[in-house]
Amino acid sequence: MLLAQITDCHVTCPGRRAYRIVDTVAALRQAVDALLGLAPAPDAVIVTGDLAYDGRTEEYEVLAAELGRLPMPVLALPGNHDARGPFREILGRRFCPSEDPQFLHFIYEFPETTLIGLDTLVPGADGGVLCSARLAWLERAFMRVRDKPVILALHHPPFATGIAHMDRIGLANPEDLEGLVRRHGRVERILCGHVHRAVQTIWAGTIASIAPSTAHQVALSLDPAAPSSFTLEPPGLHLHARLPNGAIVTHLLPLGAWPGPYRFSEYAA
């Protein structure tokens, strides 16, 4: 299994820049080009939220065109910048195989692993939540795949990162999710977005991580009083690979034009 993760694309309407600075459409195009150039190709791509900048229909049309260039399955979840209505209308059929009439959850089966996508969106809010209906859906999903390992994907991280202004708008009830994850006992990875940085931790007895944005990054400051700000550090994506020994490893792939690769044998002293 090779699962690529992109997140926080914040795609705008054509001709507009996010925060008047970031060309997020070009940034997503760069990410898609990088995915198309990978060998071996990913078996699937997960997009962990904030696909759109304002949740407009026109933004999802741009997203559908760019993501549609990928030949492998693309599975998308909403983030706090998204709007369920146009998301479902434009992307739902192809990019979010949700059977839930209210929330944009999904279950996707790999031969050895089940990928479960969770909708944590609260319309009009920056933070996320898993209400009783969503927790009940997840419990049923765990029961359905009880004998297989699970990769769980959601937009809002259930853990603190030390970036205070982002932690204040994380998942509101992580303890409820933690209880379900610990009871299931076979969650191999928890994949998140929202924070626009590569972050890893141990949470609920498993490995939880956040992928960097395909566009702008949240400025890294562990000062609790630091203002909310972003930088144009190199964007990136994550590659989650299951090795022949059964272990999953995660690689960070920076996006952009870089010199190399150079063969060590050709440049040895």
C-alpha atoms as a PDB file:
ATOM      1  CA  MET A   1       0.000   0.000   0.000  1.00  0.00           C
ATOM      2  CA  LEU A   2       1.179   3.475  -0.863  1.00  0.00           C
ATOM      3  CA  LEU A   3      -1.169   6.211   0.320  1.00  0.00           C
ATOM      4  CA  ALA A   4      -0.415   9.845  -0.541  1.00  0.00           C
ATOM      5  CA  GLN A   5      -1.819  12.569   1.682  1.00  0.00           C
ATOM      6  CA  ILE A   6      -2.346  16.164   0.645  1.00  0.00           C
ATOM      7  CA  THR A   7      -4.172  18.720   2.722  1.00  0.00           C
ATOM      8  CA  ASP A   8      -5.247  22.321   3.164  1.00  0.00           C
ATOM      9  CA  CYS A   9      -5.247  23.246  -0.510  1.00  0.00           C
ATOM     10  CA  HIS A  10      -7.458  26.335   0.082  1.00  0.00           C
ATOM     11  CA  VAL A  11      -8.217  26.574  -3.633  1.00  0.00           C
ATOM     12  CA  THR A  12      -9.671  29.921  -4.663  1.00  0.00           C
ATOM     13  CA  CYS A  13     -11.770  31.004  -7.612  1.00  0.00           C
ATOM     14  CA  PRO A  14      -9.703  31.581 -10.768  1.00  0.00           C
ATOM     15  CA  GLY A  15      -7.778  34.849 -10.670  1.00  0.00           C
ATOM     16  CA  ARG A  16      -7.943  35.203  -6.892  1.00  0.00           C
ATOM     17  CA  ARG A  17      -5.197  34.575  -4.340  1.00  0.00           C
ATOM     18  CA  ALA A  18      -5.722  33.279  -0.813  1.00  0.00           C
ATOM     19  CA  TYR A  19      -5.172  36.078   1.689  1.00  0.00           C
ATOM     20  CA  ARG A  20      -4.295  38.217  -1.379  1.00  0.00           C
ATOM     21  CA  ILE A  21      -0.866  36.499  -1.483  1.00  0.00           C
ATOM     22  CA  VAL A  22      -0.988  32.730  -2.098  1.00  0.00           C
ATOM     23  CA  ASP A  23      -1.675  31.269  -5.557  1.00  0.00           C
ATOM     24  CA  THR A  24      -3.306  28.143  -4.179  1.00  0.00           C
ATOM     25  CA  VAL A  25      -4.506  26.918  -7.578  1.00  0.00           C
ATOM     26  CA  ALA A  26      -0.934  26.829  -8.890  1.00  0.00           C
ATOM     27  CA  ALA A  27       0.135  25.179  -5.620  1.00  0.00           C
ATOM     28  CA  LEU A  28      -2.414  22.388  -6.025  1.00  0.00           C
ATOM     29  CA  ARG A  29      -1.378  21.939  -9.651  1.00  0.00           C
ATOM     30  CA  GLN A  30       2.218  21.509  -8.469  1.00  0.00           C
ATOM     31  CA  ALA A  31       1.113  18.865  -5.952  1.00  0.00           C
ATOM     32  CA  VAL A  32      -0.878  16.961  -8.561  1.00  0.00           C
ATOM     33  CA  ASP A  33       2.081  17.089 -10.952  1.00  0.00           C
ATOM     34  CA  ALA A  34       4.319  15.678  -8.217  1.00  0.00           C
ATOM     35  CA  LEU A  35       1.875  12.849  -7.554  1.00  0.00           C
ATOM     36  CA  LEU A  36       1.715  12.061 -11.265  1.00  0.00           C
ATOM     37  CA  GLY A  37       5.515  11.837 -11.323  1.00  0.00           C
ATOM     38  CA  LEU A  38       5.852   9.327  -8.498  1.00  0.00           C
ATOM     39  CA  ALA A  39       7.075   5.821  -9.282  1.00  0.00           C
ATOM     40  CA  PRO A  40       5.558   3.660  -8.060  1.00  0.00           C
ATOM     41  CA  ALA A  41       2.309   5.588  -8.229  1.00  0.00           C
ATOM     42  CA  PRO A  42       0.237   5.839  -5.038  1.00  0.00           C
ATOM     43  CA  ASP A  43      -2.607   3.370  -4.727  1.00  0.00           C
ATOM     44  CA  ALA A  44      -4.816   6.214  -3.521  1.00  0.00           C
ATOM     45  CA  VAL A  45      -4.691   9.853  -2.413  1.00  0.00           C
ATOM     46  CA  ILE A  46      -6.386  11.188   0.711  1.00  0.00           C
ATOM     47  CA  VAL A  47      -7.154  14.928   0.981  1.00  0.00           C
ATOM     48  CA  THR A  48      -7.643  15.763   4.659  1.00  0.00           C
ATOM     49  CA  GLY A  49      -9.754  18.882   4.450  1.00  0.00           C
ATOM     50  CA  ASP A  50      -9.811  22.576   3.617  1.00  0.00           C
ATOM     51  CA  LEU A  51      -9.943  21.873  -0.079  1.00  0.00           C
ATOM     52  CA  ALA A  52     -11.601  25.214  -0.809  1.00  0.00           C
ATOM     53  CA  TYR A  53     -10.856  28.722   0.426  1.00  0.00           C
ATOM     54  CA  ASP A  54     -14.429  29.929   0.920  1.00  0.00           C
ATOM     55  CA  GLY A  55     -16.501  26.835   0.122  1.00  0.00           C
ATOM     56  CA  ARG A  56     -17.759  28.247  -3.185  1.00  0.00           C
ATOM     57  CA  THR A  57     -19.070  26.130  -6.030  1.00  0.00           C
ATOM     58  CA  GLU A  58     -16.507  27.661  -8.406  1.00  0.00           C
ATOM     59  CA  GLU A  59     -13.683  26.601  -6.116  1.00  0.00           C
ATOM     60  CA  TYR A  60     -14.861  22.998  -6.088  1.00  0.00           C
ATOM     61  CA  GLU A  61     -15.086  23.047  -9.869  1.00  0.00           C
ATOM     62  CA  VAL A  62     -11.400  24.021 -10.004  1.00  0.00           C
ATOM     63  CA  LEU A  63     -10.630  21.277  -7.488  1.00  0.00           C
ATOM     64  CA  ALA A  64     -12.537  18.672  -9.483  1.00  0.00           C
ATOM     65  CA  ALA A  65     -10.586  19.555 -12.620  1.00  0.00           C
ATOM     66  CA  GLU A  66      -7.188  19.351 -10.900  1.00  0.00           C
ATOM     67  CA  LEU A  67      -7.877  16.260  -8.795  1.00  0.00           C
ATOM     68  CA  GLY A  68      -9.470  14.647 -11.822  1.00  0.00           C
ATOM     69  CA  ARG A  69      -6.047  14.507 -13.488  1.00  0.00           C
ATOM     70  CA  LEU A  70      -5.054  11.796 -11.021  1.00  0.00           C
ATOM     71  CA  PRO A  71      -5.697   8.253 -12.284  1.00  0.00           C
ATOM     72  CA  MET A  72      -5.849   6.637  -8.845  1.00  0.00           C
ATOM     73  CA  PRO A  73      -8.737   6.928  -6.348  1.00  0.00           C
ATOM     74  CA  VAL A  74      -8.846  10.331  -4.626  1.00  0.00           C
ATOM     75  CA  LEU A  75     -10.711  10.465  -1.314  1.00  0.00           C
ATOM     76  CA  ALA A  76     -11.536  13.859   0.156  1.00  0.00           C
ATOM     77  CA  LEU A  77     -12.771  15.077   3.547  1.00  0.00           C
ATOM     78  CA  PRO A  78     -14.135  18.513   4.442  1.00  0.00           C
ATOM     79  CA  GLY A  79     -12.331  20.982   6.672  1.00  0.00           C
ATOM     80  CA  ASN A  80     -13.491  24.155   8.365  1.00  0.00           C
ATOM     81  CA  HIS A  81     -13.110  26.218   5.163  1.00  0.00           C
ATOM     82  CA  ASP A  82     -15.350  23.819   3.227  1.00  0.00           C
ATOM     83  CA  ALA A  83     -19.115  23.811   2.718  1.00  0.00           C
ATOM     84  CA  ARG A  84     -20.857  20.448   2.654  1.00  0.00           C
ATOM     85  CA  GLY A  85     -23.467  21.415   0.043  1.00  0.00           C
ATOM     86  CA  PRO A  86     -21.201  22.365  -2.879  1.00  0.00           C
ATOM     87  CA  PHE A  87     -18.566  19.869  -1.717  1.00  0.00           C
ATOM     88  CA  ARG A  88     -21.064  17.028  -2.021  1.00  0.00           C
ATOM     89  CA  GLU A  89     -22.565  18.389  -5.242  1.00  0.00           C
ATOM     90  CA  ILE A  90     -19.287  18.839  -7.123  1.00  0.00           C
ATOM     91  CA  LEU A  91     -16.891  16.372  -5.485  1.00  0.00           C
ATOM     92  CA  GLY A  92     -19.073  13.854  -3.693  1.00  0.00           C
ATOM     93  CA  ARG A  93     -19.758  11.277  -6.357  1.00  0.00           C
ATOM     94  CA  ARG A  94     -16.139  10.806  -7.394  1.00  0.00           C
ATOM     95  CA  PHE A  95     -14.020  12.021  -4.506  1.00  0.00           C
ATOM     96  CA  CYS A  96     -15.999  11.296  -1.346  1.00  0.00           C
ATOM     97  CA  PRO A  97     -17.870   7.962  -1.452  1.00  0.00           C
ATOM     98  CA  SER A  98     -20.076   8.839   1.514  1.00  0.00           C
ATOM     99  CA  GLU A  99     -23.192   6.820   2.248  1.00  0.00           C
ATOM    100  CA  ASP A 100     -24.189   9.147   5.089  1.00  0.00           C
ATOM    101  CA  PRO A 101     -26.932  11.647   4.085  1.00  0.00           C
ATOM    102  CA  GLN A 102     -25.759  14.234   6.618  1.00  0.00           C
ATOM    103  CA  PHE A 103     -21.985  13.965   6.981  1.00  0.00           C
ATOM    104  CA  LEU A 104     -19.155  13.357   4.529  1.00  0.00           C
ATOM    105  CA  HIS A 105     -17.729  10.166   6.023  1.00  0.00           C
ATOM    106  CA  PHE A 106     -16.402   7.241   4.017  1.00  0.00           C
ATOM    107  CA  ILE A 107     -14.876   3.774   4.273  1.00  0.00           C
ATOM    108  CA  TYR A 108     -12.328   2.698   1.656  1.00  0.00           C
ATOM    109  CA  GLU A 109     -10.874  -0.793   1.585  1.00  0.00           C
ATOM    110  CA  PHE A 110      -7.269  -1.612   0.742  1.00  0.00           C
ATOM    111  CA  PRO A 111      -6.389  -5.329   0.623  1.00  0.00           C
ATOM    112  CA  GLU A 112      -4.634  -5.142   4.015  1.00  0.00           C
ATOM    113  CA  THR A 113      -6.039  -1.974   5.576  1.00  0.00           C
ATOM    114  CA  THR A 114      -9.276  -0.032   5.874  1.00  0.00           C
ATOM    115  CA  LEU A 115      -9.163   3.741   5.442  1.00  0.00           C
ATOM    116  CA  ILE A 116     -11.911   5.517   7.389  1.00  0.00           C
ATOM    117  CA  GLY A 117     -12.544   9.203   6.698  1.00  0.00           C
ATOM    118  CA  LEU A 118     -14.295  11.296   9.371  1.00  0.00           C
ATOM    119  CA  ASP A 119     -16.161  14.571   8.843  1.00  0.00           C
ATOM    120  CA  THR A 120     -15.332  16.979  11.719  1.00  0.00           C
ATOM    121  CA  LEU A 121     -16.744  20.132  10.104  1.00  0.00           C
ATOM    122  CA  VAL A 122     -18.872  22.543  12.153  1.00  0.00           C
ATOM    123  CA  PRO A 123     -20.404  25.088   9.734  1.00  0.00           C
ATOM    124  CA  GLY A 124     -19.348  28.625  10.590  1.00  0.00           C
ATOM    125  CA  ALA A 125     -16.685  27.534  13.095  1.00  0.00           C
ATOM    126  CA  ASP A 126     -12.918  27.100  12.815  1.00  0.00           C
ATOM    127  CA  GLY A 127     -12.744  24.242  15.286  1.00  0.00           C
ATOM    128  CA  GLY A 128     -14.126  20.764  14.747  1.00  0.00           C
ATOM    129  CA  VAL A 129     -16.276  18.313  16.673  1.00  0.00           C
ATOM    130  CA  LEU A 130     -17.440  14.714  16.586  1.00  0.00           C
ATOM    131  CA  CYS A 131     -21.071  14.849  17.675  1.00  0.00           C
ATOM    132  CA  SER A 132     -22.952  11.820  18.988  1.00  0.00           C
ATOM    133  CA  ALA A 133     -24.185  10.920  15.479  1.00  0.00           C
ATOM    134  CA  ARG A 134     -20.669  10.966  14.066  1.00  0.00           C
ATOM    135  CA  LEU A 135     -19.244   8.990  16.962  1.00  0.00           C
ATOM    136  CA  ALA A 136     -21.988   6.394  16.535  1.00  0.00           C
ATOM    137  CA  TRP A 137     -21.170   6.143  12.820  1.00  0.00           C
ATOM    138  CA  LEU A 138     -17.499   5.594  13.626  1.00  0.00           C
ATOM    139  CA  GLU A 139     -18.335   2.917  16.179  1.00  0.00           C
ATOM    140  CA  ARG A 140     -20.389   1.086  13.539  1.00  0.00           C
ATOM    141  CA  ALA A 141     -17.540   1.482  11.053  1.00  0.00           C
ATOM    142  CA  PHE A 142     -15.086  -0.051  13.540  1.00  0.00           C
ATOM    143  CA  MET A 143     -17.478  -2.961  14.097  1.00  0.00           C
ATOM    144  CA  ARG A 144     -17.763  -3.482  10.345  1.00  0.00           C
ATOM    145  CA  VAL A 145     -13.985  -3.797   9.930  1.00  0.00           C
ATOM    146  CA  ARG A 146     -13.146  -5.244  13.337  1.00  0.00           C
ATOM    147  CA  ASP A 147     -10.651  -7.801  11.968  1.00  0.00           C
ATOM    148  CA  LYS A 148      -8.607  -5.393   9.817  1.00  0.00           C
ATOM    149  CA  PRO A 149      -6.158  -2.660  10.752  1.00  0.00           C
ATOM    150  CA  VAL A 150      -7.454   0.864  10.226  1.00  0.00           C
ATOM    151  CA  ILE A 151      -6.033   4.166   9.056  1.00  0.00           C
ATOM    152  CA  LEU A 152      -8.231   6.961  10.370  1.00  0.00           C
ATOM    153  CA  ALA A 153      -8.293  10.340   8.583  1.00  0.00           C
ATOM    154  CA  LEU A 154      -9.874  13.587   9.783  1.00  0.00           C
ATOM    155  CA  HIS A 155      -9.250  17.282   9.342  1.00  0.00           C
ATOM    156  CA  HIS A 156      -8.982  18.579  12.916  1.00  0.00           C
ATOM    157  CA  PRO A 157      -6.184  16.982  14.983  1.00  0.00           C
ATOM    158  CA  PRO A 158      -7.324  15.433  18.259  1.00  0.00           C
ATOM    159  CA  PHE A 159      -4.013  16.352  19.924  1.00  0.00           C
ATOM    160  CA  ALA A 160      -2.243  19.564  20.868  1.00  0.00           C
ATOM    161  CA  THR A 161       0.690  20.743  18.753  1.00  0.00           C
ATOM    162  CA  GLY A 162       2.087  23.567  20.899  1.00  0.00           C
ATOM    163  CA  ILE A 163       1.031  26.148  18.305  1.00  0.00           C
ATOM    164  CA  ALA A 164      -1.473  27.810  20.612  1.00  0.00           C
ATOM    165  CA  HIS A 165      -3.715  29.635  18.156  1.00  0.00           C
ATOM    166  CA  MET A 166      -4.191  26.410  16.175  1.00  0.00           C
ATOM    167  CA  ASP A 167      -4.698  24.246  19.265  1.00  0.00           C
ATOM    168  CA  ARG A 168      -7.549  26.535  20.294  1.00  0.00           C
ATOM    169  CA  ILE A 169      -9.404  25.547  17.104  1.00  0.00           C
ATOM    170  CA  GLY A 170      -8.624  21.837  17.049  1.00  0.00           C
ATOM    171  CA  LEU A 171     -11.033  18.984  17.755  1.00  0.00           C
ATOM    172  CA  ALA A 172     -13.313  20.002  20.621  1.00  0.00           C
ATOM    173  CA  ASN A 173     -13.900  16.535  22.109  1.00  0.00           C
ATOM    174  CA  PRO A 174     -10.762  14.431  21.542  1.00  0.00           C
ATOM    175  CA  GLU A 175     -11.485  12.278  24.592  1.00  0.00           C
ATOM    176  CA  ASP A 176     -14.547  10.780  22.876  1.00  0.00           C
ATOM    177  CA  LEU A 177     -12.496   9.800  19.844  1.00  0.00           C
ATOM    178  CA  GLU A 178      -9.690   8.508  22.057  1.00  0.00           C
ATOM    179  CA  GLY A 179     -12.044   6.109  23.796  1.00  0.00           C
ATOM    180  CA  LEU A 180     -13.234   4.637  20.495  1.00  0.00           C
ATOM    181  CA  VAL A 181      -9.706   4.321  19.118  1.00  0.00           C
ATOM    182  CA  ARG A 182      -8.418   2.580  22.231  1.00  0.00           C
ATOM    183  CA  ARG A 183     -11.374   0.173  22.332  1.00  0.00           C
ATOM    184  CA  HIS A 184     -10.938  -0.774  18.672  1.00  0.00           C
ATOM    185  CA  GLY A 185      -7.227  -1.367  19.235  1.00  0.00           C
ATOM    186  CA  ARG A 186      -6.248  -1.734  15.564  1.00  0.00           C
ATOM    187  CA  VAL A 187      -5.840   1.869  14.414  1.00  0.00           C
ATOM    188  CA  GLU A 188      -2.391   1.989  12.815  1.00  0.00           C
ATOM    189  CA  ARG A 189      -2.345   5.680  11.917  1.00  0.00           C
ATOM    190  CA  ILE A 190      -4.373   8.840  12.442  1.00  0.00           C
ATOM    191  CA  LEU A 191      -3.916  11.315   9.582  1.00  0.00           C
ATOM    192  CA  CYS A 192      -4.874  14.958  10.007  1.00  0.00           C
ATOM    193  CA  GLY A 193      -4.668  18.357   8.351  1.00  0.00           C
ATOM    194  CA  HIS A 194      -5.677  21.840   9.560  1.00  0.00           C
ATOM    195  CA  VAL A 195      -2.361  22.964  11.089  1.00  0.00           C
ATOM    196  CA  HIS A 196      -0.410  23.495   7.823  1.00  0.00           C
ATOM    197  CA  ARG A 197       2.719  21.868   9.242  1.00  0.00           C
ATOM    198  CA  ALA A 198       4.275  18.408   9.468  1.00  0.00           C
ATOM    199  CA  VAL A 199       3.691  17.250  13.061  1.00  0.00           C
ATOM    200  CA  GLN A 200       3.847  13.785  14.655  1.00  0.00           C
ATOM    201  CA  THR A 201       2.980  12.395  18.083  1.00  0.00           C
ATOM    202  CA  ILE A 202       1.801   9.286  19.913  1.00  0.00           C
ATOM    203  CA  TRP A 203      -1.901   9.583  20.727  1.00  0.00           C
ATOM    204  CA  ALA A 204      -4.435   7.024  21.970  1.00  0.00           C
ATOM    205  CA  GLY A 205      -1.806   4.308  21.681  1.00  0.00           C
ATOM    206  CA  THR A 206      -1.056   4.907  18.010  1.00  0.00           C
ATOM    207  CA  ILE A 207       0.867   7.280  15.738  1.00  0.00           C
ATOM    208  CA  ALA A 208      -0.925  10.483  14.798  1.00  0.00           C
ATOM    209  CA  SER A 209       0.398  12.954  12.259  1.00  0.00           C
ATOM    210  CA  ILE A 210      -0.427  16.165  10.424  1.00  0.00           C
ATOM    211  CA  ALA A 211       0.655  16.760   6.842  1.00  0.00           C
ATOM    212  CA  PRO A 212       1.915  20.128   5.592  1.00  0.00           C
ATOM    213  CA  SER A 213      -0.242  22.215   3.297  1.00  0.00           C
ATOM    214  CA  THR A 214       0.158  22.075  -0.467  1.00  0.00           C
ATOM    215  CA  ALA A 215       0.157  25.891  -0.307  1.00  0.00           C
ATOM    216  CA  HIS A 216       1.107  28.138   2.647  1.00  0.00           C
ATOM    217  CA  GLN A 217       2.306  26.966   6.062  1.00  0.00           C
ATOM    218  CA  VAL A 218       1.340  28.180   9.513  1.00  0.00           C
ATOM    219  CA  ALA A 219       4.284  29.996  11.078  1.00  0.00           C
ATOM    220  CA  LEU A 220       6.055  27.796  13.624  1.00  0.00           C
ATOM    221  CA  SER A 221       6.069  29.492  17.014  1.00  0.00           C
ATOM    222  CA  LEU A 222       5.668  27.704  20.335  1.00  0.00           C
ATOM    223  CA  ASP A 223       5.150  31.025  22.133  1.00  0.00           C
ATOM    224  CA  PRO A 224       1.590  30.888  23.550  1.00  0.00           C
ATOM    225  CA  ALA A 225       1.184  34.587  22.752  1.00  0.00           C
ATOM    226  CA  ALA A 226       2.307  34.323  19.116  1.00  0.00           C
ATOM    227  CA  PRO A 227      -0.146  35.792  16.612  1.00  0.00           C
ATOM    228  CA  SER A 228      -1.874  33.696  13.974  1.00  0.00           C
ATOM    229  CA  SER A 229       0.295  33.997  10.864  1.00  0.00           C
ATOM    230  CA  PHE A 230       1.478  32.066   7.829  1.00  0.00           C
ATOM    231  CA  THR A 231       4.659  31.728   5.801  1.00  0.00           C
ATOM    232  CA  LEU A 232       5.617  30.700   2.291  1.00  0.00           C
ATOM    233  CA  GLU A 233       7.885  27.894   3.442  1.00  0.00           C
ATOM    234  CA  PRO A 234       8.117  25.016   0.947  1.00  0.00           C
ATOM    235  CA  PRO A 235       4.821  23.148   0.686  1.00  0.00           C
ATOM    236  CA  GLY A 236       4.716  19.375   0.908  1.00  0.00           C
ATOM    237  CA  LEU A 237       2.788  16.138   1.133  1.00  0.00           C
ATOM    238  CA  HIS A 238       3.032  12.878   3.032  1.00  0.00           C
ATOM    239  CA  LEU A 239       3.527   9.392   1.626  1.00  0.00           C
ATOM    240  CA  HIS A 240       2.389   6.537   3.885  1.00  0.00           C
ATOM    241  CA  ALA A 241       3.904   3.259   2.695  1.00  0.00           C
ATOM    242  CA  ARG A 242       3.367  -0.261   3.980  1.00  0.00           C
ATOM    243  CA  LEU A 243       6.652  -2.157   3.712  1.00  0.00           C
ATOM    244  CA  PRO A 244       7.008  -5.906   3.019  1.00  0.00           C
ATOM    245  CA  ASN A 245       7.535  -6.492   6.756  1.00  0.00           C
ATOM    246  CA  GLY A 246       4.079  -5.023   7.433  1.00  0.00           C
ATOM    247  CA  ALA A 247       5.226  -1.752   8.992  1.00  0.00           C
ATOM    248  CA  ILE A 248       3.880   1.606   7.800  1.00  0.00           C
ATOM    249  CA  VAL A 249       6.439   4.368   7.314  1.00  0.00           C
ATOM    250  CA  THR A 250       5.677   8.003   6.512  1.00  0.00           C
ATOM    251  CA  HIS A 251       7.810  10.180   4.256  1.00  0.00           C
ATOM    252  CA  LEU A 252       7.638  13.948   3.852  1.00  0.00           C
ATOM    253  CA  LEU A 253       7.953  15.049   0.223  1.00  0.00           C
ATOM    254  CA  PRO A 254       8.662  18.784  -0.195  1.00  0.00           C
ATOM    255  CA  LEU A 255       7.022  20.228  -3.302  1.00  0.00           C
ATOM    256  CA  GLY A 256       8.967  22.343  -5.761  1.00  0.00           C
ATOM    257  CA  ALA A 257      11.815  22.266  -8.249  1.00  0.00           C
ATOM    258  CA  TRP A 258      14.976  21.061  -6.519  1.00  0.00           C
ATOM    259  CA  PRO A 259      18.449  20.299  -7.932  1.00  0.00           C
ATOM    260  CA  GLY A 260      19.217  16.590  -8.315  1.00  0.00           C
ATOM    261  CA  PRO A 261      18.990  13.744  -7.860  1.00  0.00           C
ATOM    262  CA  TYR A 262      22.737  13.164  -8.151  1.00  0.00           C
ATOM    263  CA  ARG A 263      24.152   9.629  -8.077  1.00  0.00           C
ATOM    264  CA  PHE A 264      26.549   9.248  -5.178  1.00  0.00           C
ATOM    265  CA  SER A 265      28.784   6.998  -7.288  1.00  0.00           C
ATOM    266  CA  GLU A 266      29.255   9.713  -9.901  1.00  0.00           C
ATOM    267  CA  TYR A 267      30.183  12.466  -7.463  1.00  0.00           C
ATOM    268  CA  ALA A 268      32.299  10.588  -4.944  1.00  0.00           C
ATOM    269  CA  ALA A 269      35.615  12.234  -4.087  1.00  0.00           C
END
